[in-house]
Amino acid sequence: MKDNDTTLSPDDGIPPPADTVQRICDHEHVLRTTAPRVIQSAGRTGAFAAGSERGRMRAADADRDRVVEFLNTAYSEGRLSKDEYDARLENAFSARTYADLDQLVTDLPAARAAVPAVAKTTVTPVAKTNGLAIASLACGVAQFAFGPVATIPAIVLGHMARYQIKRTGEQGAGLALAGLILGWATVILGIVLIVVGLVIAAGMHGTIPMH
């Protein structure tokens, strides 16, 4: 065995000193533990080199806004404390490259896109006016021009219109009611006039002197 050689020679008949054996064991242990780390470090270096090109690119305002949204979501979900949120928010606004932005969200899950719920708008069609209700009112007004001829149609059409409106939900209940009022008012007025006429006729007949 040479003076500077730490390798045991099979031809040496004299056993090596204890300190030499310890140095050999330490050297082999270093080789066993260092080699995997060198390989792993080389893998990380290659991955970093692959992503370093994107990391050096300048970030746009839209990229900063997107990271701010991620941070807002993470803070609202309790993933960040107030101090962490404030610090990362400040760094996001001052970030210059993609690498600066990536390091702010690497330990956060992908933030869910905040899509506002679109409320369904139900368009209620405007109910049409019932035709019979219009006809009832027209007949009720026509009584002033044509007399009692339009009275019965005003009443009949008014009742029919109110029945249809309750069943279909159409508009025109007020028109039908107005036609009914005019029709029945004419009927009542006619009855009153007939009664008054009969009373007057009977009175006149009672005052005629008997010969």
Protein backbone atom coordinates (compact mmCIF):
# COMPACT_ATOMS: atom_id res chain seq x y z
CA MET A 1 0.00 0.00 0.00
CA LYS A 2 1.35 3.41 -0.97
CA ASP A 3 1.52 6.31 1.42
CA ASN A 4 -1.28 8.37 -0.21
CA ASP A 5 -3.38 5.45 -1.41
CA THR A 6 -6.47 4.59 0.65
CA THR A 7 -7.14 1.35 -1.18
CA LEU A 8 -6.18 -1.96 0.42
CA SER A 9 -3.83 -4.08 -1.63
CA PRO A 10 -4.37 -7.85 -1.51
CA ASP A 11 -0.61 -8.39 -1.67
CA ASP A 12 0.02 -6.57 1.58
CA GLY A 13 0.42 -8.97 4.37
CA ILE A 14 0.35 -6.36 7.09
CA PRO A 15 -3.17 -5.25 8.10
CA PRO A 16 -3.74 -1.53 7.68
CA PRO A 17 -3.94 0.73 10.68
CA ALA A 18 -7.36 1.48 12.19
CA ASP A 19 -7.38 5.10 11.06
CA THR A 20 -6.72 4.03 7.48
CA VAL A 21 -9.67 1.63 7.56
CA GLN A 22 -11.89 4.42 8.93
CA ARG A 23 -10.83 6.77 6.13
CA ILE A 24 -11.62 4.12 3.53
CA CYS A 25 -15.06 3.52 5.03
CA ASP A 26 -15.79 7.23 5.15
CA HIS A 27 -14.70 7.64 1.54
CA GLU A 28 -17.01 4.83 0.36
CA HIS A 29 -19.90 6.30 2.39
CA VAL A 30 -19.40 9.68 0.77
CA LEU A 31 -19.44 8.10 -2.67
CA ARG A 32 -22.66 6.21 -1.91
CA THR A 33 -24.49 9.25 -0.54
CA THR A 34 -23.17 11.89 -2.94
CA ALA A 35 -23.83 10.14 -6.25
CA PRO A 36 -27.64 10.02 -5.93
CA ARG A 37 -27.70 13.67 -4.87
CA VAL A 38 -25.62 14.65 -7.88
CA ILE A 39 -28.02 12.79 -10.19
CA GLN A 40 -31.07 14.34 -8.50
CA SER A 41 -29.52 17.81 -8.66
CA ALA A 42 -28.79 17.33 -12.33
CA GLY A 43 -32.47 16.47 -12.91
CA ARG A 44 -33.64 19.59 -11.10
CA THR A 45 -31.15 21.68 -13.05
CA GLY A 46 -32.51 20.34 -16.34
CA ALA A 47 -36.09 21.02 -15.30
CA PHE A 48 -35.20 24.54 -14.21
CA ALA A 49 -33.43 25.16 -17.50
CA ALA A 50 -36.53 24.02 -19.38
CA GLY A 51 -38.80 26.42 -17.45
CA SER A 52 -36.38 29.27 -17.03
CA GLU A 53 -37.14 30.63 -20.49
CA ARG A 54 -40.77 31.27 -19.57
CA GLY A 55 -39.80 32.54 -16.12
CA ARG A 56 -37.64 35.28 -17.64
CA MET A 57 -40.50 36.56 -19.80
CA ARG A 58 -42.13 39.83 -18.78
CA ALA A 59 -45.57 39.53 -17.18
CA ALA A 60 -48.50 41.61 -18.38
CA ASP A 61 -51.13 43.42 -16.31
CA ALA A 62 -53.61 40.64 -17.11
CA ASP A 63 -51.21 38.09 -15.63
CA ARG A 64 -50.87 40.14 -12.44
CA ASP A 65 -54.65 40.49 -12.19
CA ARG A 66 -55.04 36.74 -12.60
CA VAL A 67 -52.61 36.07 -9.74
CA VAL A 68 -54.41 38.64 -7.58
CA GLU A 69 -57.66 36.74 -8.19
CA PHE A 70 -55.94 33.51 -7.10
CA LEU A 71 -54.75 35.19 -3.93
CA ASN A 72 -58.18 36.65 -3.21
CA THR A 73 -59.75 33.21 -3.53
CA ALA A 74 -57.08 31.59 -1.37
CA TYR A 75 -57.53 34.27 1.32
CA SER A 76 -61.32 33.92 1.29
CA GLU A 77 -60.94 30.14 1.73
CA GLY A 78 -58.61 30.59 4.70
CA ARG A 79 -55.49 29.32 2.96
CA LEU A 80 -53.56 32.52 3.67
CA SER A 81 -53.30 34.65 6.77
CA LYS A 82 -53.83 38.38 6.60
CA ASP A 83 -50.10 39.11 6.69
CA GLU A 84 -49.34 36.52 4.00
CA TYR A 85 -52.13 37.85 1.83
CA ASP A 86 -50.95 41.45 2.12
CA ALA A 87 -47.33 40.53 1.41
CA ARG A 88 -48.16 38.40 -1.62
CA LEU A 89 -50.58 40.98 -2.93
CA GLU A 90 -47.90 43.65 -2.81
CA ASN A 91 -45.43 41.35 -4.54
CA ALA A 92 -47.98 40.50 -7.21
CA PHE A 93 -48.46 44.14 -8.14
CA SER A 94 -44.71 44.71 -8.27
CA ALA A 95 -43.86 41.48 -10.11
CA ARG A 96 -41.97 41.89 -13.38
CA THR A 97 -41.61 38.34 -14.74
CA TYR A 98 -43.57 35.10 -14.79
CA ALA A 99 -41.11 33.65 -12.30
CA ASP A 100 -41.98 36.42 -9.83
CA LEU A 101 -45.66 35.58 -10.16
CA ASP A 102 -45.23 31.80 -10.09
CA GLN A 103 -43.48 31.84 -6.72
CA LEU A 104 -46.52 33.58 -5.19
CA VAL A 105 -48.96 30.78 -6.03
CA THR A 106 -46.83 27.63 -6.21
CA ASP A 107 -48.12 26.41 -2.81
CA LEU A 108 -51.76 27.22 -3.62
CA PRO A 109 -54.24 25.03 -5.47
CA ALA A 110 -55.62 26.31 -8.71
CA ALA A 111 -58.15 29.00 -7.87
CA ARG A 112 -61.65 28.36 -9.07
CA ALA A 113 -62.86 30.76 -11.72
CA ALA A 114 -65.38 33.09 -10.17
CA VAL A 115 -68.26 32.94 -12.63
CA PRO A 116 -71.31 35.00 -11.52
CA ALA A 117 -74.48 33.18 -11.52
CA VAL A 118 -76.66 34.35 -14.26
CA ALA A 119 -80.14 34.77 -12.90
CA LYS A 120 -82.78 33.36 -15.14
CA THR A 121 -85.08 36.12 -16.31
CA THR A 122 -88.62 34.98 -16.79
CA VAL A 123 -90.46 37.15 -19.28
CA THR A 124 -94.12 37.16 -18.44
CA PRO A 125 -96.17 37.76 -21.55
CA VAL A 126 -98.64 40.60 -21.32
CA ALA A 127 -102.14 39.18 -21.03
CA LYS A 128 -104.44 40.28 -23.81
CA THR A 129 -107.73 42.03 -23.18
CA ASN A 130 -110.78 39.83 -23.37
CA GLY A 131 -112.82 40.56 -26.50
CA LEU A 132 -116.17 39.90 -24.85
CA ALA A 133 -115.36 42.48 -22.17
CA ILE A 134 -114.75 45.09 -24.88
CA ALA A 135 -117.99 44.11 -26.60
CA SER A 136 -119.93 44.34 -23.32
CA LEU A 137 -118.71 47.88 -22.68
CA ALA A 138 -119.42 48.85 -26.29
CA CYS A 139 -123.00 47.60 -26.01
CA GLY A 140 -123.45 49.39 -22.69
CA VAL A 141 -122.36 52.69 -24.28
CA ALA A 142 -124.44 52.00 -27.40
CA GLN A 143 -127.59 52.04 -25.28
CA PHE A 144 -127.47 55.83 -25.29
CA ALA A 145 -127.70 55.79 -29.07
CA PHE A 146 -129.80 52.74 -29.85
CA GLY A 147 -131.85 52.43 -26.70
CA PRO A 148 -132.69 49.13 -24.98
CA VAL A 149 -131.72 47.14 -28.06
CA ALA A 150 -128.11 46.89 -26.78
CA THR A 151 -129.00 46.35 -23.13
CA ILE A 152 -129.38 42.55 -23.16
CA PRO A 153 -126.16 42.01 -25.19
CA ALA A 154 -124.26 44.24 -22.73
CA ILE A 155 -125.40 42.14 -19.77
CA VAL A 156 -124.93 38.74 -21.43
CA LEU A 157 -121.49 39.58 -22.87
CA GLY A 158 -120.40 41.07 -19.53
CA HIS A 159 -121.14 37.86 -17.60
CA MET A 160 -119.49 35.71 -20.27
CA ALA A 161 -116.41 37.93 -20.24
CA ARG A 162 -116.00 37.72 -16.46
CA TYR A 163 -116.21 33.94 -16.59
CA GLN A 164 -113.57 33.71 -19.31
CA ILE A 165 -111.28 36.17 -17.52
CA LYS A 166 -111.35 34.07 -14.34
CA ARG A 167 -110.48 30.96 -16.36
CA THR A 168 -107.82 32.38 -18.70
CA GLY A 169 -106.36 35.26 -16.68
CA GLU A 170 -106.95 37.78 -19.46
CA GLN A 171 -107.34 41.47 -18.84
CA GLY A 172 -110.60 43.39 -19.19
CA ALA A 173 -112.38 42.62 -15.93
CA GLY A 174 -113.02 46.34 -15.45
CA LEU A 175 -114.46 46.69 -18.96
CA ALA A 176 -116.79 43.75 -18.40
CA LEU A 177 -117.91 45.18 -15.06
CA ALA A 178 -118.56 48.58 -16.66
CA GLY A 179 -120.66 46.94 -19.39
CA LEU A 180 -122.66 45.05 -16.78
CA ILE A 181 -123.25 48.19 -14.74
CA LEU A 182 -124.48 50.10 -17.77
CA GLY A 183 -126.70 47.21 -18.87
CA TRP A 184 -128.28 46.56 -15.50
CA ALA A 185 -128.62 50.29 -14.85
CA THR A 186 -130.61 50.59 -18.05
CA VAL A 187 -132.78 47.65 -17.01
CA ILE A 188 -133.42 49.14 -13.58
CA LEU A 189 -134.07 52.54 -15.10
CA GLY A 190 -136.52 51.00 -17.54
CA ILE A 191 -138.33 49.18 -14.74
CA VAL A 192 -138.54 52.39 -12.71
CA LEU A 193 -139.91 54.28 -15.69
CA ILE A 194 -142.49 51.59 -16.33
CA VAL A 195 -143.61 51.62 -12.69
CA VAL A 196 -143.83 55.40 -12.64
CA GLY A 197 -145.79 55.34 -15.86
CA LEU A 198 -148.22 52.83 -14.48
CA VAL A 199 -148.64 54.87 -11.32
CA ILE A 200 -149.26 58.02 -13.29
CA ALA A 201 -151.70 56.22 -15.56
CA ALA A 202 -153.58 54.77 -12.62
CA GLY A 203 -153.75 58.17 -10.95
CA MET A 204 -155.01 59.78 -14.05
CA HIS A 205 -157.61 57.05 -14.44
CA GLY A 206 -158.76 57.54 -10.83
CA THR A 207 -159.25 61.28 -11.29
CA ILE A 208 -161.47 60.96 -14.33
CA PRO A 209 -165.04 62.08 -13.24
CA MET A 210 -167.82 59.47 -13.52
CA HIS A 211 -170.91 60.52 -15.50
